Amino acid sequence: MPMVFIGGKGIKLSSDIIIDVKNISKHFGGLAAVNNCSLKVERGTITGLIGPNGAGKTTLFNIVAGTLPPTSGKVFFDNKDVTGLPPHELFKLGILRTFQLAHEFSNMSSLENLMVVPGEQPGESLLNTWLKPSLVKQHDLKVRQKANDVIDFLKLSHVKNELAGNLSGGQKKLLELGRTMMVDAKIVLLDEVAAGVNRTLLNDLASNIERMNKELGYSFFVIEHDMDLIARLCETVIVMAAGEVIAQGPMEELRQNPQIIEAYFGTSPKEA
């Protein structure tokens, strides 16, 4: 929830919703992968989305990210209906997504991977390179400086000139996180950020997500199977099962919820 500072004390403002999913359903033939699902993500929070395999989490994520159209329902971003908008349009609005498998440009350096992120750069126009070379150079210097700042923030300076394809899995995830910082994303959709990352780099990754949230005000919506990571990062956790939201709240409460234990393990607490 957003904070306002009065007399040195932070006071929470009323709820400010950045993502509002209303009655979303997605059918693949006769299969309902998501069934009349509704949820909200508050601005300035790290909100988790968990559930057993086949719960519909990734399908819902893909709908919010614009890679899948819903069968029915609406997605609102900052009170604007963005249902069915393609990813490049959502990118312009400030909705960015990372992937379970990092999508780096393997034959470009880490720094170059960050520099290509901002859209509509003057150097993309052939005419500008001929007629306005000083404009192109000035913009490139500005983008390079920002990329260096992001590299420093993420503590990746030691690999900034390394080909991105040579980075470890965890470093690639950090680089993807850095891409979202190049355009000052309003919300970042994190898909399985812990997958393929060793515990040391995972701690670095989690620390940077926390810093981006607390210091820079980024909002995050996170799919994750690592429950310890979810418990560390998220104030609010949303649980899906069989295409529906079945619970929401702090992780410490959800761990004791019989409905969630049954959804994950197929047993009641007494049987477990």
Protein backbone atom coordinates (compact mmCIF):
# COMPACT_ATOMS: atom_id res chain seq x y z
CA MET A 1 0.00 0.00 0.00
CA PRO A 2 1.38 3.49 -0.79
CA MET A 3 2.87 5.52 2.05
CA VAL A 4 2.68 9.22 2.82
CA PHE A 5 5.21 10.68 5.25
CA ILE A 6 3.93 13.17 7.83
CA GLY A 7 6.22 14.37 10.58
CA GLY A 8 8.72 11.64 9.73
CA LYS A 9 6.16 8.84 10.14
CA GLY A 10 4.82 6.71 7.33
CA ILE A 11 1.04 6.45 7.11
CA LYS A 12 -0.62 3.96 4.78
CA LEU A 13 -3.04 5.42 2.29
CA SER A 14 -6.22 3.65 1.23
CA SER A 15 -5.89 0.69 -1.13
CA ASP A 16 -4.47 1.58 -4.55
CA ILE A 17 -4.96 -1.22 -7.06
CA ILE A 18 -2.56 -1.45 -9.99
CA ILE A 19 -3.75 -4.79 -11.47
CA ASP A 20 -7.42 -5.76 -11.26
CA VAL A 21 -8.43 -9.12 -12.76
CA LYS A 22 -12.20 -9.45 -13.03
CA ASN A 23 -13.98 -12.74 -13.75
CA ILE A 24 -11.33 -14.04 -16.14
CA SER A 25 -11.91 -17.43 -17.76
CA LYS A 26 -9.80 -19.23 -20.34
CA HIS A 27 -10.99 -22.34 -22.16
CA PHE A 28 -8.90 -24.61 -24.36
CA GLY A 29 -11.57 -26.64 -26.12
CA GLY A 30 -13.55 -28.25 -23.33
CA LEU A 31 -10.89 -27.56 -20.68
CA ALA A 32 -11.31 -24.57 -18.40
CA ALA A 33 -7.72 -23.66 -17.45
CA VAL A 34 -8.93 -20.53 -15.62
CA ASN A 35 -12.49 -20.36 -14.33
CA ASN A 36 -14.12 -17.02 -13.43
CA CYS A 37 -10.98 -15.84 -11.62
CA SER A 38 -10.77 -12.46 -9.88
CA LEU A 39 -7.85 -10.92 -7.97
CA LYS A 40 -6.22 -7.58 -7.22
CA VAL A 41 -2.59 -6.47 -6.90
CA GLU A 42 -1.90 -3.37 -4.82
CA ARG A 43 0.53 -0.73 -6.04
CA GLY A 44 3.91 -0.79 -4.30
CA THR A 45 3.59 -4.38 -3.08
CA ILE A 46 5.19 -7.72 -3.88
CA THR A 47 2.23 -10.03 -4.36
CA GLY A 48 2.69 -13.78 -4.77
CA LEU A 49 0.65 -16.23 -6.84
CA ILE A 50 1.01 -19.87 -5.84
CA GLY A 51 -0.78 -23.15 -6.43
CA PRO A 52 -0.18 -26.78 -7.39
CA ASN A 53 0.79 -27.75 -10.92
CA GLY A 54 -2.17 -27.32 -13.26
CA ALA A 55 -3.80 -24.67 -11.06
CA GLY A 56 -3.96 -22.16 -13.93
CA LYS A 57 -1.31 -19.75 -12.62
CA THR A 58 0.75 -19.53 -15.81
CA THR A 59 -2.34 -19.25 -17.99
CA LEU A 60 -3.60 -16.37 -15.87
CA PHE A 61 -0.15 -14.76 -15.95
CA ASN A 62 -0.08 -15.05 -19.74
CA ILE A 63 -3.46 -13.34 -19.96
CA VAL A 64 -2.32 -10.46 -17.74
CA ALA A 65 0.93 -10.21 -19.77
CA GLY A 66 -0.97 -10.09 -23.08
CA THR A 67 0.35 -13.33 -24.57
CA LEU A 68 -3.04 -15.06 -24.32
CA PRO A 69 -6.51 -13.57 -24.83
CA PRO A 70 -9.13 -14.54 -22.22
CA THR A 71 -12.29 -16.38 -23.20
CA SER A 72 -14.20 -13.97 -20.97
CA GLY A 73 -13.55 -11.37 -18.26
CA LYS A 74 -11.47 -8.21 -18.03
CA VAL A 75 -7.98 -7.12 -16.96
CA PHE A 76 -7.52 -3.55 -15.71
CA PHE A 77 -4.21 -1.75 -15.22
CA ASP A 78 -4.31 1.58 -13.41
CA ASN A 79 -8.11 1.53 -13.93
CA LYS A 80 -7.64 1.17 -17.69
CA ASP A 81 -9.08 -1.81 -19.52
CA VAL A 82 -6.07 -3.58 -21.09
CA THR A 83 -7.79 -6.87 -21.87
CA GLY A 84 -6.25 -8.51 -24.91
CA LEU A 85 -3.62 -5.82 -25.54
CA PRO A 86 -0.43 -7.37 -27.00
CA PRO A 87 2.78 -7.41 -24.93
CA HIS A 88 4.43 -4.52 -26.82
CA GLU A 89 1.46 -2.26 -26.01
CA LEU A 90 1.56 -3.31 -22.34
CA PHE A 91 5.32 -2.64 -22.37
CA LYS A 92 4.63 0.97 -23.35
CA LEU A 93 2.20 1.27 -20.43
CA GLY A 94 4.78 -0.05 -17.96
CA ILE A 95 3.87 -3.75 -17.60
CA LEU A 96 6.97 -5.94 -18.00
CA ARG A 97 7.46 -9.65 -17.60
CA THR A 98 10.39 -11.95 -16.90
CA PHE A 99 10.39 -15.64 -17.80
CA GLN A 100 11.22 -18.92 -16.10
CA LEU A 101 13.94 -19.37 -18.72
CA ALA A 102 15.88 -16.14 -19.26
CA HIS A 103 15.58 -14.66 -22.78
CA GLU A 104 18.90 -12.88 -23.10
CA PHE A 105 20.65 -11.86 -26.32
CA SER A 106 23.45 -14.37 -25.89
CA ASN A 107 25.91 -12.80 -28.35
CA MET A 108 25.67 -9.34 -26.81
CA SER A 109 27.32 -8.18 -23.61
CA SER A 110 25.36 -7.71 -20.39
CA LEU A 111 25.59 -3.95 -20.83
CA GLU A 112 24.37 -4.14 -24.43
CA ASN A 113 21.45 -6.34 -23.35
CA LEU A 114 20.28 -3.49 -21.14
CA MET A 115 20.92 -0.76 -23.69
CA VAL A 116 18.59 -2.27 -26.31
CA VAL A 117 15.58 -2.27 -23.95
CA PRO A 118 14.24 1.32 -24.24
CA GLY A 119 11.96 1.65 -27.25
CA GLU A 120 11.93 4.22 -30.04
CA GLN A 121 15.59 5.20 -29.68
CA PRO A 122 16.81 7.79 -32.26
CA GLY A 123 19.49 5.40 -33.51
CA GLU A 124 16.81 2.99 -34.72
CA SER A 125 16.11 5.39 -37.57
CA LEU A 126 18.52 5.26 -40.50
CA LEU A 127 17.72 8.87 -41.33
CA ASN A 128 18.70 9.97 -37.82
CA THR A 129 22.05 8.21 -38.10
CA TRP A 130 22.71 10.18 -41.31
CA LEU A 131 21.10 13.54 -40.53
CA LYS A 132 21.17 13.77 -36.73
CA PRO A 133 24.28 11.89 -35.56
CA SER A 134 24.75 14.18 -32.55
CA LEU A 135 21.22 13.40 -31.35
CA VAL A 136 21.87 9.68 -31.70
CA LYS A 137 25.20 9.95 -29.85
CA GLN A 138 23.71 12.03 -27.03
CA HIS A 139 20.86 9.57 -26.53
CA ASP A 140 23.19 6.57 -26.64
CA LEU A 141 25.37 8.13 -23.93
CA LYS A 142 22.29 8.68 -21.76
CA VAL A 143 21.12 5.09 -22.23
CA ARG A 144 24.63 3.75 -21.56
CA GLN A 145 24.83 5.73 -18.33
CA LYS A 146 21.50 4.35 -17.16
CA ALA A 147 22.58 0.82 -18.09
CA ASN A 148 25.77 1.28 -16.07
CA ASP A 149 23.71 2.55 -13.13
CA VAL A 150 21.49 -0.55 -13.33
CA ILE A 151 24.55 -2.83 -13.57
CA ASP A 152 25.97 -1.18 -10.44
CA PHE A 153 22.65 -1.43 -8.60
CA LEU A 154 22.47 -5.16 -9.31
CA LYS A 155 26.18 -5.65 -8.50
CA LEU A 156 26.90 -7.10 -11.94
CA SER A 157 29.80 -4.79 -12.80
CA HIS A 158 32.21 -7.73 -12.95
CA VAL A 159 30.26 -9.24 -15.89
CA LYS A 160 29.01 -6.11 -17.66
CA ASN A 161 31.27 -6.73 -20.69
CA GLU A 162 30.78 -10.51 -20.65
CA LEU A 163 28.61 -12.09 -23.35
CA ALA A 164 25.20 -12.66 -21.77
CA GLY A 165 25.16 -16.22 -23.07
CA ASN A 166 28.15 -17.01 -20.83
CA LEU A 167 26.43 -15.89 -17.61
CA SER A 168 25.16 -18.33 -15.02
CA GLY A 169 21.42 -18.96 -14.66
CA GLY A 170 21.22 -16.66 -11.66
CA GLN A 171 23.14 -13.87 -13.38
CA LYS A 172 20.82 -14.12 -16.37
CA LYS A 173 17.83 -13.72 -14.03
CA LEU A 174 19.48 -10.64 -12.51
CA LEU A 175 20.04 -9.29 -16.02
CA GLU A 176 16.34 -9.80 -16.84
CA LEU A 177 15.49 -7.90 -13.68
CA GLY A 178 17.82 -5.15 -14.87
CA ARG A 179 15.92 -4.89 -18.15
CA THR A 180 12.78 -3.90 -16.27
CA MET A 181 14.74 -1.06 -14.65
CA MET A 182 15.76 0.40 -18.02
CA VAL A 183 12.22 1.61 -18.70
CA ASP A 184 11.05 2.25 -15.12
CA ALA A 185 8.35 -0.42 -15.19
CA LYS A 186 5.22 0.25 -13.15
CA ILE A 187 4.73 -3.44 -12.42
CA VAL A 188 6.96 -6.45 -13.07
CA LEU A 189 5.50 -9.93 -13.58
CA LEU A 190 8.07 -12.42 -12.29
CA ASP A 191 7.66 -15.99 -13.58
CA GLU A 192 9.48 -18.65 -11.52
CA VAL A 193 12.38 -16.38 -10.65
CA ALA A 194 14.03 -19.08 -8.47
CA ALA A 195 14.09 -21.75 -11.20
CA GLY A 196 17.63 -22.86 -12.01
CA VAL A 197 19.26 -20.41 -9.58
CA ASN A 198 21.69 -21.50 -6.85
CA ARG A 199 20.96 -20.42 -3.29
CA THR A 200 23.67 -17.74 -3.13
CA LEU A 201 22.51 -15.96 -6.28
CA LEU A 202 18.88 -16.49 -5.29
CA ASN A 203 19.55 -14.53 -2.13
CA ASP A 204 21.09 -11.74 -4.26
CA LEU A 205 18.08 -11.85 -6.57
CA ALA A 206 15.63 -11.64 -3.66
CA SER A 207 17.60 -8.78 -2.10
CA ASN A 208 17.47 -6.81 -5.35
CA ILE A 209 13.72 -7.38 -5.72
CA GLU A 210 13.27 -6.10 -2.16
CA ARG A 211 15.48 -3.07 -2.87
CA MET A 212 13.59 -2.26 -6.08
CA ASN A 213 10.35 -2.45 -4.14
CA LYS A 214 11.41 -0.47 -1.07
CA GLU A 215 13.86 2.03 -2.56
CA LEU A 216 12.45 2.54 -6.06
CA GLY A 217 8.75 1.81 -5.52
CA TYR A 218 8.41 -1.06 -7.99
CA SER A 219 5.34 -3.29 -7.81
CA PHE A 220 5.79 -7.03 -8.37
CA PHE A 221 3.41 -9.89 -9.16
CA VAL A 222 5.24 -13.19 -8.65
CA ILE A 223 4.56 -16.82 -9.63
CA GLU A 224 6.82 -19.08 -7.61
CA HIS A 225 7.08 -22.66 -6.31
CA ASP A 226 9.74 -21.82 -3.72
CA MET A 227 7.55 -21.21 -0.67
CA ASP A 228 10.42 -19.87 1.43
CA LEU A 229 11.12 -17.21 -1.20
CA ILE A 230 7.42 -16.31 -1.38
CA ALA A 231 7.29 -16.05 2.42
CA ARG A 232 10.33 -13.77 2.39
CA LEU A 233 9.19 -11.45 -0.39
CA CYS A 234 5.41 -11.24 -0.23
CA GLU A 235 3.06 -9.56 2.21
CA THR A 236 0.08 -10.90 0.30
CA VAL A 237 -0.09 -14.32 -1.33
CA ILE A 238 -2.91 -15.46 -3.63
CA VAL A 239 -3.57 -19.21 -3.97
CA MET A 240 -5.05 -20.82 -7.07
CA ALA A 241 -6.33 -24.36 -7.53
CA ALA A 242 -8.30 -25.86 -10.43
CA GLY A 243 -8.37 -22.50 -12.21
CA GLU A 244 -9.86 -20.56 -9.30
CA VAL A 245 -8.62 -18.36 -6.44
CA ILE A 246 -9.21 -20.32 -3.24
CA ALA A 247 -7.42 -18.19 -0.62
CA GLN A 248 -5.46 -15.00 -0.05
CA GLY A 249 -3.41 -13.66 2.85
CA PRO A 250 0.00 -13.71 4.56
CA MET A 251 2.09 -16.83 3.95
CA GLU A 252 2.25 -17.78 7.63
CA GLU A 253 -1.55 -18.02 7.72
CA LEU A 254 -1.87 -19.83 4.40
CA ARG A 255 0.56 -22.57 5.50
CA GLN A 256 -2.01 -23.57 8.15
CA ASN A 257 -5.05 -23.39 5.86
CA PRO A 258 -6.62 -26.87 5.48
CA GLN A 259 -8.01 -26.06 2.04
CA ILE A 260 -4.52 -25.18 0.77
CA ILE A 261 -2.91 -28.26 2.34
CA GLU A 262 -5.51 -30.40 0.59
CA ALA A 263 -5.02 -28.59 -2.75
CA TYR A 264 -1.25 -29.16 -2.64
CA PHE A 265 -1.07 -32.60 -1.08
CA GLY A 266 -4.53 -34.13 -1.53
CA THR A 267 -4.89 -34.69 2.21
CA SER A 268 -6.50 -32.91 5.12
CA PRO A 269 -4.26 -31.74 8.02
CA LYS A 270 -5.32 -34.75 10.13
CA GLU A 271 -4.38 -37.17 7.36
CA ALA A 272 -1.09 -35.41 6.46
